[in-house]
């Protein structure tokens, strides 16, 4: 039987006039009716507010809160403060959810502290299904290959693919850090998972993550402190893993498999960043090597990688050959045209 407790759905919004209608209509059309919808407008400069105001006129389940532009973390935190549900989830304003999404999550959460959902990635009309198996995991058991795979493949990081208990969030004072520009949801999720005794995964791909092609999107920007931010994620993840197992080999392997793709991807974001000069890009790249966690991660990834191409690039990164990496990247792009 479906639990009838309220689910608070928090939607941070900034200049989302082109996508908020699809997003909000999908949330309003959920088959699970006991929901409250909290939209936090983060000082939008377009007509997002007007679009929302028109859509929500006849739906008493919706709160629309307008704040000065302060970033997505503060917007989500404001939504948490306003939420009164038993459960809580997040939907980004450029994404959308299928009608049964909330119902599928609630069906799974009985006696579980967190549900982690599969999802559909949309990119230029292409659909890519990121699917987990249906399982329940407890922290009393040693990390298993499916759990390690979940960390490695990025299911732990987003806040939008999870159903949380609002009571845990509020009692443990868990919030999104506002002093960093990326990975704020990773830190939030890791902090939450520290207070869980069990988690559940669902194969349902009813959340649609719509990858932005805009060069202004946060995920495509390169911040000078990008690698020190990942150090925060590394440290918090290490703490969570130590809570789950005492096997240092498993901890190290899981850390490497989770953090290395972040470092590797960020290096190529730097390489392809057209807003910075070569010297600016090289300075950010070099900041990687003053952080002990990154050196360990790179060396461990080099040992464990089965890809010849990846091993070559890792060796170039370790040797600080930024110029060669840039040339190699141009050759790869040209070769695949």
C-alpha atoms as a PDB file:
ATOM      1  CA  UNK A   1       0.000   0.000   0.000  1.00  0.00           C
ATOM      2  CA  UNK A   2       1.355   3.454  -0.947  1.00  0.00           C
ATOM      3  CA  UNK A   3       2.345   5.676   1.958  1.00  0.00           C
ATOM      4  CA  UNK A   4       0.160   8.798   1.954  1.00  0.00           C
ATOM      5  CA  UNK A   5       2.664  11.050   3.740  1.00  0.00           C
ATOM      6  CA  UNK A   6       3.453  14.348   2.034  1.00  0.00           C
ATOM      7  CA  UNK A   7       6.417  14.692  -0.328  1.00  0.00           C
ATOM      8  CA  UNK A   8       7.963  18.158  -0.583  1.00  0.00           C
ATOM      9  CA  UNK A   9       9.277  18.794  -4.109  1.00  0.00           C
ATOM     10  CA  UNK A  10      11.794  21.650  -4.202  1.00  0.00           C
ATOM     11  CA  UNK A  11      12.480  23.387  -7.518  1.00  0.00           C
ATOM     12  CA  UNK A  12      15.247  26.021  -7.627  1.00  0.00           C
ATOM     13  CA  UNK A  13      14.752  28.350 -10.574  1.00  0.00           C
ATOM     14  CA  UNK A  14      16.942  30.948 -12.271  1.00  0.00           C
ATOM     15  CA  UNK A  15      16.208  32.355 -15.747  1.00  0.00           C
ATOM     16  CA  UNK A  16      14.288  29.215 -16.661  1.00  0.00           C
ATOM     17  CA  UNK A  17      11.445  30.713 -18.686  1.00  0.00           C
ATOM     18  CA  UNK A  18      12.098  28.337 -21.604  1.00  0.00           C
ATOM     19  CA  UNK A  19      11.898  25.145 -19.507  1.00  0.00           C
ATOM     20  CA  UNK A  20       9.915  25.866 -16.330  1.00  0.00           C
ATOM     21  CA  UNK A  21       6.505  25.186 -17.938  1.00  0.00           C
ATOM     22  CA  UNK A  22       7.485  21.641 -18.938  1.00  0.00           C
ATOM     23  CA  UNK A  23       9.111  21.073 -15.536  1.00  0.00           C
ATOM     24  CA  UNK A  24       6.262  22.413 -13.438  1.00  0.00           C
ATOM     25  CA  UNK A  25       3.487  20.783 -15.446  1.00  0.00           C
ATOM     26  CA  UNK A  26       5.239  17.424 -15.062  1.00  0.00           C
ATOM     27  CA  UNK A  27       5.428  17.893 -11.283  1.00  0.00           C
ATOM     28  CA  UNK A  28       1.808  19.058 -11.015  1.00  0.00           C
ATOM     29  CA  UNK A  29       0.662  15.963 -12.955  1.00  0.00           C
ATOM     30  CA  UNK A  30       2.043  13.375 -10.535  1.00  0.00           C
ATOM     31  CA  UNK A  31      -0.101  10.317  -9.802  1.00  0.00           C
ATOM     32  CA  UNK A  32       0.988  10.610  -6.164  1.00  0.00           C
ATOM     33  CA  UNK A  33      -1.216  13.512  -5.120  1.00  0.00           C
ATOM     34  CA  UNK A  34      -0.036  14.202  -1.565  1.00  0.00           C
ATOM     35  CA  UNK A  35       2.711  16.618  -2.559  1.00  0.00           C
ATOM     36  CA  UNK A  36       3.719  20.178  -1.882  1.00  0.00           C
ATOM     37  CA  UNK A  37       5.672  22.022  -4.566  1.00  0.00           C
ATOM     38  CA  UNK A  38       8.105  24.725  -3.508  1.00  0.00           C
ATOM     39  CA  UNK A  39       9.571  26.907  -6.254  1.00  0.00           C
ATOM     40  CA  UNK A  40      12.458  29.132  -5.204  1.00  0.00           C
ATOM     41  CA  UNK A  41      13.097  31.861  -7.747  1.00  0.00           C
ATOM     42  CA  UNK A  42      16.725  32.865  -7.360  1.00  0.00           C
ATOM     43  CA  UNK A  43      16.368  36.430  -8.631  1.00  0.00           C
ATOM     44  CA  UNK A  44      15.552  35.536 -12.244  1.00  0.00           C
ATOM     45  CA  UNK A  45      16.065  38.366 -14.732  1.00  0.00           C
ATOM     46  CA  UNK A  46      13.790  36.880 -17.415  1.00  0.00           C
ATOM     47  CA  UNK A  47      10.042  36.270 -17.143  1.00  0.00           C
ATOM     48  CA  UNK A  48      10.289  32.999 -15.191  1.00  0.00           C
ATOM     49  CA  UNK A  49       8.273  34.474 -12.324  1.00  0.00           C
ATOM     50  CA  UNK A  50       5.444  35.558 -14.604  1.00  0.00           C
ATOM     51  CA  UNK A  51       5.337  32.152 -16.296  1.00  0.00           C
ATOM     52  CA  UNK A  52       5.130  30.411 -12.904  1.00  0.00           C
ATOM     53  CA  UNK A  53       2.491  32.786 -11.586  1.00  0.00           C
ATOM     54  CA  UNK A  54       0.232  31.913 -14.511  1.00  0.00           C
ATOM     55  CA  UNK A  55       0.737  28.173 -14.099  1.00  0.00           C
ATOM     56  CA  UNK A  56       0.145  27.920 -10.340  1.00  0.00           C
ATOM     57  CA  UNK A  57      -2.972  30.098  -9.977  1.00  0.00           C
ATOM     58  CA  UNK A  58      -5.353  27.213  -9.298  1.00  0.00           C
ATOM     59  CA  UNK A  59      -3.047  24.793  -7.463  1.00  0.00           C
ATOM     60  CA  UNK A  60      -2.926  25.342  -3.670  1.00  0.00           C
ATOM     61  CA  UNK A  61      -0.103  22.783  -3.326  1.00  0.00           C
ATOM     62  CA  UNK A  62       2.415  25.266  -4.752  1.00  0.00           C
ATOM     63  CA  UNK A  63       4.493  27.893  -2.950  1.00  0.00           C
ATOM     64  CA  UNK A  64       6.408  30.418  -5.056  1.00  0.00           C
ATOM     65  CA  UNK A  65       9.187  32.108  -3.107  1.00  0.00           C
ATOM     66  CA  UNK A  66      11.206  34.905  -4.697  1.00  0.00           C
ATOM     67  CA  UNK A  67      14.667  35.757  -3.363  1.00  0.00           C
ATOM     68  CA  UNK A  68      17.651  37.874  -4.393  1.00  0.00           C
ATOM     69  CA  UNK A  69      20.122  36.032  -6.627  1.00  0.00           C
ATOM     70  CA  UNK A  70      22.358  34.022  -4.266  1.00  0.00           C
ATOM     71  CA  UNK A  71      23.022  30.752  -6.077  1.00  0.00           C
ATOM     72  CA  UNK A  72      21.421  27.331  -6.275  1.00  0.00           C
ATOM     73  CA  UNK A  73      22.659  26.160  -2.857  1.00  0.00           C
ATOM     74  CA  UNK A  74      20.973  28.974  -0.960  1.00  0.00           C
ATOM     75  CA  UNK A  75      17.838  28.535  -3.090  1.00  0.00           C
ATOM     76  CA  UNK A  76      17.640  24.821  -2.217  1.00  0.00           C
ATOM     77  CA  UNK A  77      18.330  25.560   1.461  1.00  0.00           C
ATOM     78  CA  UNK A  78      15.502  28.092   1.424  1.00  0.00           C
ATOM     79  CA  UNK A  79      13.250  25.404  -0.022  1.00  0.00           C
ATOM     80  CA  UNK A  80      14.217  22.982   2.761  1.00  0.00           C
ATOM     81  CA  UNK A  81      13.300  25.587   5.390  1.00  0.00           C
ATOM     82  CA  UNK A  82       9.896  26.094   3.776  1.00  0.00           C
ATOM     83  CA  UNK A  83       9.196  22.371   3.356  1.00  0.00           C
ATOM     84  CA  UNK A  84       6.716  20.682   5.687  1.00  0.00           C
ATOM     85  CA  UNK A  85       6.528  17.219   4.136  1.00  0.00           C
ATOM     86  CA  UNK A  86       7.657  13.904   5.557  1.00  0.00           C
ATOM     87  CA  UNK A  87       9.805  13.232   2.491  1.00  0.00           C
ATOM     88  CA  UNK A  88      11.746  15.617   0.298  1.00  0.00           C
ATOM     89  CA  UNK A  89      13.102  15.550  -3.248  1.00  0.00           C
ATOM     90  CA  UNK A  90      14.514  18.033  -5.753  1.00  0.00           C
ATOM     91  CA  UNK A  91      13.734  18.713  -9.394  1.00  0.00           C
ATOM     92  CA  UNK A  92      15.878  21.108 -11.439  1.00  0.00           C
ATOM     93  CA  UNK A  93      13.954  23.680 -13.456  1.00  0.00           C
ATOM     94  CA  UNK A  94      15.346  22.481 -16.810  1.00  0.00           C
ATOM     95  CA  UNK A  95      14.458  18.836 -16.084  1.00  0.00           C
ATOM     96  CA  UNK A  96      11.112  17.035 -15.917  1.00  0.00           C
ATOM     97  CA  UNK A  97       9.590  13.943 -14.343  1.00  0.00           C
ATOM     98  CA  UNK A  98       7.175  11.325 -15.641  1.00  0.00           C
ATOM     99  CA  UNK A  99       3.718  11.104 -13.973  1.00  0.00           C
ATOM    100  CA  UNK A 100       4.585   8.097 -11.778  1.00  0.00           C
ATOM    101  CA  UNK A 101       8.003   9.364 -10.621  1.00  0.00           C
ATOM    102  CA  UNK A 102       7.087  10.340  -7.054  1.00  0.00           C
ATOM    103  CA  UNK A 103       4.793   7.327  -6.668  1.00  0.00           C
ATOM    104  CA  UNK A 104       7.638   4.980  -7.666  1.00  0.00           C
ATOM    105  CA  UNK A 105       9.987   6.563  -5.100  1.00  0.00           C
ATOM    106  CA  UNK A 106       7.448   6.481  -2.259  1.00  0.00           C
ATOM    107  CA  UNK A 107       6.649   2.814  -2.934  1.00  0.00           C
ATOM    108  CA  UNK A 108      10.299   1.982  -2.250  1.00  0.00           C
ATOM    109  CA  UNK A 109      11.031   4.037   0.877  1.00  0.00           C
ATOM    110  CA  UNK A 110       9.100   2.088   3.546  1.00  0.00           C
ATOM    111  CA  UNK A 111      11.574   1.548   6.459  1.00  0.00           C
ATOM    112  CA  UNK A 112      14.378   2.907   4.232  1.00  0.00           C
ATOM    113  CA  UNK A 113      16.241   6.188   4.822  1.00  0.00           C
ATOM    114  CA  UNK A 114      16.963   7.085   1.198  1.00  0.00           C
ATOM    115  CA  UNK A 115      15.857   5.958  -2.260  1.00  0.00           C
ATOM    116  CA  UNK A 116      18.328   6.402  -5.115  1.00  0.00           C
ATOM    117  CA  UNK A 117      16.652   6.412  -8.507  1.00  0.00           C
ATOM    118  CA  UNK A 118      17.752   5.527 -11.992  1.00  0.00           C
ATOM    119  CA  UNK A 119      17.243   8.307 -14.541  1.00  0.00           C
ATOM    120  CA  UNK A 120      17.055   9.219 -18.205  1.00  0.00           C
ATOM    121  CA  UNK A 121      19.598  11.646 -19.658  1.00  0.00           C
ATOM    122  CA  UNK A 122      18.371  13.769 -22.557  1.00  0.00           C
ATOM    123  CA  UNK A 123      20.931  15.443 -24.783  1.00  0.00           C
ATOM    124  CA  UNK A 124      20.107  16.885 -28.223  1.00  0.00           C
ATOM    125  CA  UNK A 125      17.138  14.575 -28.644  1.00  0.00           C
ATOM    126  CA  UNK A 126      19.138  11.510 -27.633  1.00  0.00           C
ATOM    127  CA  UNK A 127      17.971   9.415 -24.676  1.00  0.00           C
ATOM    128  CA  UNK A 128      20.465   7.574 -22.491  1.00  0.00           C
ATOM    129  CA  UNK A 129      19.065   5.378 -19.707  1.00  0.00           C
ATOM    130  CA  UNK A 130      21.170   5.228 -16.537  1.00  0.00           C
ATOM    131  CA  UNK A 131      19.639   2.239 -14.817  1.00  0.00           C
ATOM    132  CA  UNK A 132      20.277   0.652 -11.437  1.00  0.00           C
ATOM    133  CA  UNK A 133      19.053  -2.739 -10.266  1.00  0.00           C
ATOM    134  CA  UNK A 134      16.381  -2.954  -7.558  1.00  0.00           C
ATOM    135  CA  UNK A 135      18.239  -3.534  -4.278  1.00  0.00           C
ATOM    136  CA  UNK A 136      18.321  -2.662  -0.583  1.00  0.00           C
ATOM    137  CA  UNK A 137      21.692  -2.011   1.057  1.00  0.00           C
ATOM    138  CA  UNK A 138      22.587  -1.662   4.727  1.00  0.00           C
ATOM    139  CA  UNK A 139      25.733  -0.070   6.103  1.00  0.00           C
ATOM    140  CA  UNK A 140      26.416  -3.046   8.342  1.00  0.00           C
ATOM    141  CA  UNK A 141      27.688  -4.971   5.342  1.00  0.00           C
ATOM    142  CA  UNK A 142      30.998  -4.467   3.559  1.00  0.00           C
ATOM    143  CA  UNK A 143      30.832  -2.456   0.331  1.00  0.00           C
ATOM    144  CA  UNK A 144      29.775  -4.761  -2.496  1.00  0.00           C
ATOM    145  CA  UNK A 145      30.571  -4.423  -6.231  1.00  0.00           C
ATOM    146  CA  UNK A 146      27.084  -3.010  -7.030  1.00  0.00           C
ATOM    147  CA  UNK A 147      27.519  -0.317  -4.360  1.00  0.00           C
ATOM    148  CA  UNK A 148      31.032   0.525  -5.561  1.00  0.00           C
ATOM    149  CA  UNK A 149      29.657   0.736  -9.104  1.00  0.00           C
ATOM    150  CA  UNK A 150      26.977   3.134  -7.873  1.00  0.00           C
ATOM    151  CA  UNK A 151      29.654   5.452  -6.496  1.00  0.00           C
ATOM    152  CA  UNK A 152      31.817   5.083  -9.604  1.00  0.00           C
ATOM    153  CA  UNK A 153      28.994   5.821 -12.043  1.00  0.00           C
ATOM    154  CA  UNK A 154      27.883   9.008 -10.318  1.00  0.00           C
ATOM    155  CA  UNK A 155      24.576   7.979  -8.749  1.00  0.00           C
ATOM    156  CA  UNK A 156      25.702   9.276  -5.346  1.00  0.00           C
ATOM    157  CA  UNK A 157      26.372  12.870  -6.455  1.00  0.00           C
ATOM    158  CA  UNK A 158      23.063  14.420  -7.661  1.00  0.00           C
ATOM    159  CA  UNK A 159      20.320  15.452  -5.227  1.00  0.00           C
ATOM    160  CA  UNK A 160      17.598  15.165  -7.889  1.00  0.00           C
ATOM    161  CA  UNK A 161      17.700  11.353  -8.170  1.00  0.00           C
ATOM    162  CA  UNK A 162      16.896  10.745  -4.486  1.00  0.00           C
ATOM    163  CA  UNK A 163      14.015  10.732  -2.041  1.00  0.00           C
ATOM    164  CA  UNK A 164      15.117  11.960   1.398  1.00  0.00           C
ATOM    165  CA  UNK A 165      13.510  11.993   4.820  1.00  0.00           C
ATOM    166  CA  UNK A 166      13.070  15.647   5.708  1.00  0.00           C
ATOM    167  CA  UNK A 167      13.343  14.808   9.412  1.00  0.00           C
ATOM    168  CA  UNK A 168      16.941  13.587   8.961  1.00  0.00           C
ATOM    169  CA  UNK A 169      17.869  16.698   6.954  1.00  0.00           C
ATOM    170  CA  UNK A 170      16.482  19.085   9.571  1.00  0.00           C
ATOM    171  CA  UNK A 171      17.576  17.221  12.713  1.00  0.00           C
ATOM    172  CA  UNK A 172      21.120  16.786  11.452  1.00  0.00           C
ATOM    173  CA  UNK A 173      21.293  20.343  10.048  1.00  0.00           C
ATOM    174  CA  UNK A 174      22.282  19.097   6.596  1.00  0.00           C
ATOM    175  CA  UNK A 175      22.435  21.855   3.996  1.00  0.00           C
ATOM    176  CA  UNK A 176      23.934  22.698   0.632  1.00  0.00           C
ATOM    177  CA  UNK A 177      27.274  24.535   1.055  1.00  0.00           C
ATOM    178  CA  UNK A 178      26.972  28.047  -0.350  1.00  0.00           C
ATOM    179  CA  UNK A 179      30.712  28.849  -0.506  1.00  0.00           C
ATOM    180  CA  UNK A 180      31.455  26.583  -3.493  1.00  0.00           C
ATOM    181  CA  UNK A 181      30.234  26.694  -7.104  1.00  0.00           C
ATOM    182  CA  UNK A 182      30.243  23.002  -8.036  1.00  0.00           C
ATOM    183  CA  UNK A 183      29.667  19.648  -6.318  1.00  0.00           C
ATOM    184  CA  UNK A 184      27.455  21.253  -3.673  1.00  0.00           C
ATOM    185  CA  UNK A 185      24.890  18.498  -4.212  1.00  0.00           C
ATOM    186  CA  UNK A 186      27.595  15.816  -3.828  1.00  0.00           C
ATOM    187  CA  UNK A 187      28.484  17.200  -0.409  1.00  0.00           C
ATOM    188  CA  UNK A 188      24.823  17.420   0.620  1.00  0.00           C
ATOM    189  CA  UNK A 189      24.127  13.820  -0.423  1.00  0.00           C
ATOM    190  CA  UNK A 190      27.248  12.422   1.234  1.00  0.00           C
ATOM    191  CA  UNK A 191      26.409  14.224   4.486  1.00  0.00           C
ATOM    192  CA  UNK A 192      22.877  12.826   4.342  1.00  0.00           C
ATOM    193  CA  UNK A 193      24.045   9.270   3.632  1.00  0.00           C
ATOM    194  CA  UNK A 194      26.223   9.391   6.759  1.00  0.00           C
ATOM    195  CA  UNK A 195      23.020   9.409   8.800  1.00  0.00           C
ATOM    196  CA  UNK A 196      21.327   6.533   6.967  1.00  0.00           C
ATOM    197  CA  UNK A 197      21.154   2.933   8.109  1.00  0.00           C
ATOM    198  CA  UNK A 198      19.808   1.661   4.800  1.00  0.00           C
ATOM    199  CA  UNK A 199      19.367   2.779   1.204  1.00  0.00           C
ATOM    200  CA  UNK A 200      17.292   1.451  -1.654  1.00  0.00           C
ATOM    201  CA  UNK A 201      17.821   1.672  -5.400  1.00  0.00           C
ATOM    202  CA  UNK A 202      15.113   1.634  -8.032  1.00  0.00           C
ATOM    203  CA  UNK A 203      15.303   0.755 -11.721  1.00  0.00           C
ATOM    204  CA  UNK A 204      12.707   3.393 -12.602  1.00  0.00           C
ATOM    205  CA  UNK A 205      14.089   5.944 -15.135  1.00  0.00           C
ATOM    206  CA  UNK A 206      11.228   8.418 -14.680  1.00  0.00           C
ATOM    207  CA  UNK A 207      13.459  11.427 -13.891  1.00  0.00           C
ATOM    208  CA  UNK A 208      14.636  13.175 -17.072  1.00  0.00           C
ATOM    209  CA  UNK A 209      17.937  14.975 -16.643  1.00  0.00           C
ATOM    210  CA  UNK A 210      18.204  17.378 -19.573  1.00  0.00           C
ATOM    211  CA  UNK A 211      21.827  18.150 -20.244  1.00  0.00           C
ATOM    212  CA  UNK A 212      22.334  21.799 -21.109  1.00  0.00           C
ATOM    213  CA  UNK A 213      24.282  22.759 -24.217  1.00  0.00           C
ATOM    214  CA  UNK A 214      24.707  26.320 -22.991  1.00  0.00           C
ATOM    215  CA  UNK A 215      28.276  27.425 -22.376  1.00  0.00           C
ATOM    216  CA  UNK A 216      27.001  29.440 -19.413  1.00  0.00           C
ATOM    217  CA  UNK A 217      25.739  26.391 -17.512  1.00  0.00           C
ATOM    218  CA  UNK A 218      27.419  25.735 -14.163  1.00  0.00           C
ATOM    219  CA  UNK A 219      28.522  22.268 -15.232  1.00  0.00           C
ATOM    220  CA  UNK A 220      30.538  23.679 -18.138  1.00  0.00           C
ATOM    221  CA  UNK A 221      32.238  26.507 -16.258  1.00  0.00           C
ATOM    222  CA  UNK A 222      35.784  26.199 -14.987  1.00  0.00           C
ATOM    223  CA  UNK A 223      36.385  27.743 -11.566  1.00  0.00           C
ATOM    224  CA  UNK A 224      39.900  28.511 -10.261  1.00  0.00           C
ATOM    225  CA  UNK A 225      39.203  26.457  -7.111  1.00  0.00           C
ATOM    226  CA  UNK A 226      37.775  23.457  -8.954  1.00  0.00           C
ATOM    227  CA  UNK A 227      40.345  20.977  -7.632  1.00  0.00           C
ATOM    228  CA  UNK A 228      40.225  22.189  -4.033  1.00  0.00           C
ATOM    229  CA  UNK A 229      36.439  21.746  -4.198  1.00  0.00           C
ATOM    230  CA  UNK A 230      36.908  18.132  -5.210  1.00  0.00           C
ATOM    231  CA  UNK A 231      39.217  17.764  -2.203  1.00  0.00           C
ATOM    232  CA  UNK A 232      36.216  18.573   0.031  1.00  0.00           C
ATOM    233  CA  UNK A 233      34.165  15.918  -1.758  1.00  0.00           C
ATOM    234  CA  UNK A 234      37.056  13.427  -1.454  1.00  0.00           C
ATOM    235  CA  UNK A 235      37.417  14.003   2.303  1.00  0.00           C
ATOM    236  CA  UNK A 236      33.690  13.721   3.011  1.00  0.00           C
ATOM    237  CA  UNK A 237      33.342  10.647   0.825  1.00  0.00           C
ATOM    238  CA  UNK A 238      36.321   9.041   2.555  1.00  0.00           C
ATOM    239  CA  UNK A 239      34.602   9.640   5.908  1.00  0.00           C
ATOM    240  CA  UNK A 240      31.380   8.033   4.652  1.00  0.00           C
ATOM    241  CA  UNK A 241      33.216   4.992   3.264  1.00  0.00           C
ATOM    242  CA  UNK A 242      35.113   4.519   6.535  1.00  0.00           C
ATOM    243  CA  UNK A 243      31.714   4.394   8.225  1.00  0.00           C
ATOM    244  CA  UNK A 244      30.676   1.605   5.842  1.00  0.00           C
ATOM    245  CA  UNK A 245      33.796  -0.589   5.961  1.00  0.00           C
ATOM    246  CA  UNK A 246      37.223  -0.894   7.580  1.00  0.00           C
ATOM    247  CA  UNK A 247      38.746  -2.414   4.438  1.00  0.00           C
ATOM    248  CA  UNK A 248      41.221   0.272   3.325  1.00  0.00           C
ATOM    249  CA  UNK A 249      41.701  -1.389  -0.066  1.00  0.00           C
ATOM    250  CA  UNK A 250      37.981  -1.139  -0.797  1.00  0.00           C
ATOM    251  CA  UNK A 251      37.894   2.455   0.474  1.00  0.00           C
ATOM    252  CA  UNK A 252      40.856   3.499  -1.691  1.00  0.00           C
ATOM    253  CA  UNK A 253      39.473   1.766  -4.777  1.00  0.00           C
ATOM    254  CA  UNK A 254      36.035   3.331  -4.353  1.00  0.00           C
ATOM    255  CA  UNK A 255      37.538   6.783  -3.787  1.00  0.00           C
ATOM    256  CA  UNK A 256      39.673   6.500  -6.909  1.00  0.00           C
ATOM    257  CA  UNK A 257      36.837   5.205  -9.073  1.00  0.00           C
ATOM    258  CA  UNK A 258      34.538   7.990  -7.836  1.00  0.00           C
ATOM    259  CA  UNK A 259      36.878  10.986  -7.817  1.00  0.00           C
ATOM    260  CA  UNK A 260      39.130  10.252 -10.792  1.00  0.00           C
ATOM    261  CA  UNK A 261      36.379  10.759 -13.426  1.00  0.00           C
ATOM    262  CA  UNK A 262      35.723  14.178 -11.838  1.00  0.00           C
ATOM    263  CA  UNK A 263      39.389  15.169 -12.108  1.00  0.00           C
ATOM    264  CA  UNK A 264      39.779  13.714 -15.606  1.00  0.00           C
ATOM    265  CA  UNK A 265      36.666  15.454 -16.898  1.00  0.00           C
ATOM    266  CA  UNK A 266      37.647  18.750 -15.275  1.00  0.00           C
ATOM    267  CA  UNK A 267      41.050  18.734 -16.953  1.00  0.00           C
ATOM    268  CA  UNK A 268      39.372  18.542 -20.358  1.00  0.00           C
ATOM    269  CA  UNK A 269      36.926  21.276 -19.357  1.00  0.00           C
ATOM    270  CA  UNK A 270      39.993  23.436 -18.690  1.00  0.00           C
ATOM    271  CA  UNK A 271      41.533  22.455 -22.020  1.00  0.00           C
ATOM    272  CA  UNK A 272      38.347  23.341 -23.921  1.00  0.00           C
ATOM    273  CA  UNK A 273      37.520  26.536 -22.019  1.00  0.00           C
ATOM    274  CA  UNK A 274      37.439  29.332 -24.618  1.00  0.00           C
ATOM    275  CA  UNK A 275      36.973  32.064 -22.001  1.00  0.00           C
ATOM    276  CA  UNK A 276      40.503  31.779 -20.579  1.00  0.00           C
ATOM    277  CA  UNK A 277      44.006  32.341 -21.902  1.00  0.00           C
ATOM    278  CA  UNK A 278      46.523  29.534 -22.134  1.00  0.00           C
ATOM    279  CA  UNK A 279      48.351  30.824 -19.026  1.00  0.00           C
ATOM    280  CA  UNK A 280      45.116  31.053 -17.024  1.00  0.00           C
ATOM    281  CA  UNK A 281      44.195  27.508 -17.980  1.00  0.00           C
ATOM    282  CA  UNK A 282      47.667  26.210 -17.167  1.00  0.00           C
ATOM    283  CA  UNK A 283      47.569  27.907 -13.740  1.00  0.00           C
ATOM    284  CA  UNK A 284      44.313  26.125 -12.861  1.00  0.00           C
ATOM    285  CA  UNK A 285      45.742  22.848 -14.183  1.00  0.00           C
ATOM    286  CA  UNK A 286      48.886  23.267 -12.045  1.00  0.00           C
ATOM    287  CA  UNK A 287      46.786  23.843  -8.917  1.00  0.00           C
ATOM    288  CA  UNK A 288      45.942  20.147  -9.129  1.00  0.00           C
ATOM    289  CA  UNK A 289      49.426  19.169  -8.010  1.00  0.00           C
ATOM    290  CA  UNK A 290      49.532  21.008  -4.679  1.00  0.00           C
ATOM    291  CA  UNK A 291      46.776  18.767  -3.297  1.00  0.00           C
ATOM    292  CA  UNK A 292      47.834  15.357  -1.905  1.00  0.00           C
ATOM    293  CA  UNK A 293      44.482  13.673  -2.640  1.00  0.00           C
ATOM    294  CA  UNK A 294      44.789  14.388  -6.373  1.00  0.00           C
ATOM    295  CA  UNK A 295      48.273  12.916  -6.664  1.00  0.00           C
ATOM    296  CA  UNK A 296      47.138   9.730  -4.930  1.00  0.00           C
ATOM    297  CA  UNK A 297      44.010   9.548  -7.092  1.00  0.00           C
ATOM    298  CA  UNK A 298      45.990   9.938 -10.326  1.00  0.00           C
ATOM    299  CA  UNK A 299      48.593   7.314  -9.408  1.00  0.00           C
ATOM    300  CA  UNK A 300      45.937   4.846  -8.257  1.00  0.00           C
ATOM    301  CA  UNK A 301      43.960   5.440 -11.481  1.00  0.00           C
ATOM    302  CA  UNK A 302      47.100   4.843 -13.537  1.00  0.00           C
ATOM    303  CA  UNK A 303      47.627   1.475 -11.858  1.00  0.00           C
ATOM    304  CA  UNK A 304      44.023   0.347 -12.213  1.00  0.00           C
ATOM    305  CA  UNK A 305      43.168   1.668 -15.694  1.00  0.00           C
ATOM    306  CA  UNK A 306      42.666  -0.872 -18.477  1.00  0.00           C
ATOM    307  CA  UNK A 307      42.599   1.760 -21.232  1.00  0.00           C
ATOM    308  CA  UNK A 308      45.866   2.453 -23.095  1.00  0.00           C
ATOM    309  CA  UNK A 309      44.629   5.908 -24.162  1.00  0.00           C
ATOM    310  CA  UNK A 310      43.607   6.786 -20.601  1.00  0.00           C
ATOM    311  CA  UNK A 311      46.931   5.592 -19.186  1.00  0.00           C
ATOM    312  CA  UNK A 312      48.837   7.756 -21.682  1.00  0.00           C
ATOM    313  CA  UNK A 313      46.810  10.820 -20.725  1.00  0.00           C
ATOM    314  CA  UNK A 314      47.191  10.125 -16.993  1.00  0.00           C
ATOM    315  CA  UNK A 315      50.977   9.887 -17.464  1.00  0.00           C
ATOM    316  CA  UNK A 316      50.931  13.235 -19.286  1.00  0.00           C
ATOM    317  CA  UNK A 317      48.866  14.767 -16.482  1.00  0.00           C
ATOM    318  CA  UNK A 318      51.257  13.458 -13.805  1.00  0.00           C
ATOM    319  CA  UNK A 319      54.193  14.816 -15.851  1.00  0.00           C
ATOM    320  CA  UNK A 320      52.386  18.226 -15.963  1.00  0.00           C
ATOM    321  CA  UNK A 321      52.479  18.233 -19.774  1.00  0.00           C
ATOM    322  CA  UNK A 322      49.523  20.573 -20.213  1.00  0.00           C
ATOM    323  CA  UNK A 323      50.635  21.797 -23.626  1.00  0.00           C
ATOM    324  CA  UNK A 324      50.890  18.268 -25.015  1.00  0.00           C
ATOM    325  CA  UNK A 325      47.455  17.424 -23.580  1.00  0.00           C
ATOM    326  CA  UNK A 326      46.008  20.455 -25.399  1.00  0.00           C
ATOM    327  CA  UNK A 327      47.613  19.390 -28.688  1.00  0.00           C
ATOM    328  CA  UNK A 328      46.452  15.807 -28.209  1.00  0.00           C
ATOM    329  CA  UNK A 329      42.920  17.006 -27.468  1.00  0.00           C
ATOM    330  CA  UNK A 330      42.840  19.045 -30.714  1.00  0.00           C
ATOM    331  CA  UNK A 331      44.065  16.022 -32.658  1.00  0.00           C
ATOM    332  CA  UNK A 332      41.381  13.778 -31.105  1.00  0.00           C
ATOM    333  CA  UNK A 333      38.646  16.317 -31.914  1.00  0.00           C
ATOM    334  CA  UNK A 334      39.892  16.702 -35.493  1.00  0.00           C
ATOM    335  CA  UNK A 335      40.260  12.939 -35.922  1.00  0.00           C
ATOM    336  CA  UNK A 336      36.647  12.267 -34.873  1.00  0.00           C
ATOM    337  CA  UNK A 337      35.051  14.886 -37.160  1.00  0.00           C
END
